[in-house]
């Protein structure tokens, strides 16, 4: 599996976890939701950096 595929898989995994937690907690300001959101932001930034280096 390529680095791009791994990043995309991890992005989807964290996004799914975050959405599940939001449904359960029904609170966007829950500390766990915030942590997952930050993790997702980091993964998206990493993926964006990966795509830019490929250019």
C-alpha atoms as a PDB file:
ATOM      1  CA  UNK A   1       0.000   0.000   0.000  1.00  0.00           C
ATOM      2  CA  UNK A   2       1.359   3.410  -0.943  1.00  0.00           C
ATOM      3  CA  UNK A   3       1.827   6.299   1.449  1.00  0.00           C
ATOM      4  CA  UNK A   4      -1.044   8.125  -0.236  1.00  0.00           C
ATOM      5  CA  UNK A   5      -3.378   5.168   0.259  1.00  0.00           C
ATOM      6  CA  UNK A   6      -2.333   4.832   3.889  1.00  0.00           C
ATOM      7  CA  UNK A   7      -2.977   8.496   4.553  1.00  0.00           C
ATOM      8  CA  UNK A   8      -6.374   8.373   2.877  1.00  0.00           C
ATOM      9  CA  UNK A   9      -7.309   5.282   4.844  1.00  0.00           C
ATOM     10  CA  UNK A  10      -6.281   6.914   8.118  1.00  0.00           C
ATOM     11  CA  UNK A  11      -8.177  10.098   7.213  1.00  0.00           C
ATOM     12  CA  UNK A  12     -11.359   8.123   6.627  1.00  0.00           C
ATOM     13  CA  UNK A  13     -10.852   6.141   9.821  1.00  0.00           C
ATOM     14  CA  UNK A  14     -10.450   9.267  11.975  1.00  0.00           C
ATOM     15  CA  UNK A  15     -13.318  11.028  10.183  1.00  0.00           C
ATOM     16  CA  UNK A  16     -15.603   8.056  10.851  1.00  0.00           C
ATOM     17  CA  UNK A  17     -14.564   7.925  14.507  1.00  0.00           C
ATOM     18  CA  UNK A  18     -15.160  11.622  14.924  1.00  0.00           C
ATOM     19  CA  UNK A  19     -18.612  11.455  13.310  1.00  0.00           C
ATOM     20  CA  UNK A  20     -19.541   8.488  15.489  1.00  0.00           C
ATOM     21  CA  UNK A  21     -18.420  10.307  18.616  1.00  0.00           C
ATOM     22  CA  UNK A  22     -20.372  13.424  17.640  1.00  0.00           C
ATOM     23  CA  UNK A  23     -23.502  11.335  17.226  1.00  0.00           C
ATOM     24  CA  UNK A  24     -22.955   9.703  20.616  1.00  0.00           C
ATOM     25  CA  UNK A  25     -22.025  12.811  22.567  1.00  0.00           C
ATOM     26  CA  UNK A  26     -24.113  15.305  20.581  1.00  0.00           C
ATOM     27  CA  UNK A  27     -21.592  17.876  21.702  1.00  0.00           C
ATOM     28  CA  UNK A  28     -19.026  19.415  19.360  1.00  0.00           C
ATOM     29  CA  UNK A  29     -17.067  20.880  22.252  1.00  0.00           C
ATOM     30  CA  UNK A  30     -16.430  17.523  23.900  1.00  0.00           C
ATOM     31  CA  UNK A  31     -12.691  17.157  24.519  1.00  0.00           C
ATOM     32  CA  UNK A  32     -12.518  13.829  22.643  1.00  0.00           C
ATOM     33  CA  UNK A  33     -14.269  15.323  19.612  1.00  0.00           C
ATOM     34  CA  UNK A  34     -11.831  18.228  19.642  1.00  0.00           C
ATOM     35  CA  UNK A  35      -8.853  15.868  19.842  1.00  0.00           C
ATOM     36  CA  UNK A  36     -10.112  13.798  16.918  1.00  0.00           C
ATOM     37  CA  UNK A  37     -10.791  16.946  14.933  1.00  0.00           C
ATOM     38  CA  UNK A  38      -7.222  18.114  15.529  1.00  0.00           C
ATOM     39  CA  UNK A  39      -5.915  14.698  14.533  1.00  0.00           C
ATOM     40  CA  UNK A  40      -7.961  14.872  11.348  1.00  0.00           C
ATOM     41  CA  UNK A  41      -6.607  18.359  10.626  1.00  0.00           C
ATOM     42  CA  UNK A  42      -3.062  17.063  11.023  1.00  0.00           C
ATOM     43  CA  UNK A  43      -3.698  14.137   8.696  1.00  0.00           C
ATOM     44  CA  UNK A  44      -5.274  16.403   6.091  1.00  0.00           C
ATOM     45  CA  UNK A  45      -2.284  18.737   6.298  1.00  0.00           C
ATOM     46  CA  UNK A  46       0.065  15.805   5.944  1.00  0.00           C
ATOM     47  CA  UNK A  47      -1.856  14.571   2.915  1.00  0.00           C
ATOM     48  CA  UNK A  48      -1.819  18.041   1.373  1.00  0.00           C
ATOM     49  CA  UNK A  49       1.941  18.282   1.923  1.00  0.00           C
ATOM     50  CA  UNK A  50       2.370  14.876   0.330  1.00  0.00           C
ATOM     51  CA  UNK A  51       0.430  15.975  -2.762  1.00  0.00           C
ATOM     52  CA  UNK A  52       2.430  19.196  -3.080  1.00  0.00           C
ATOM     53  CA  UNK A  53       5.757  17.396  -2.956  1.00  0.00           C
ATOM     54  CA  UNK A  54       4.595  15.165  -5.804  1.00  0.00           C
ATOM     55  CA  UNK A  55       4.193  18.175  -8.131  1.00  0.00           C
END
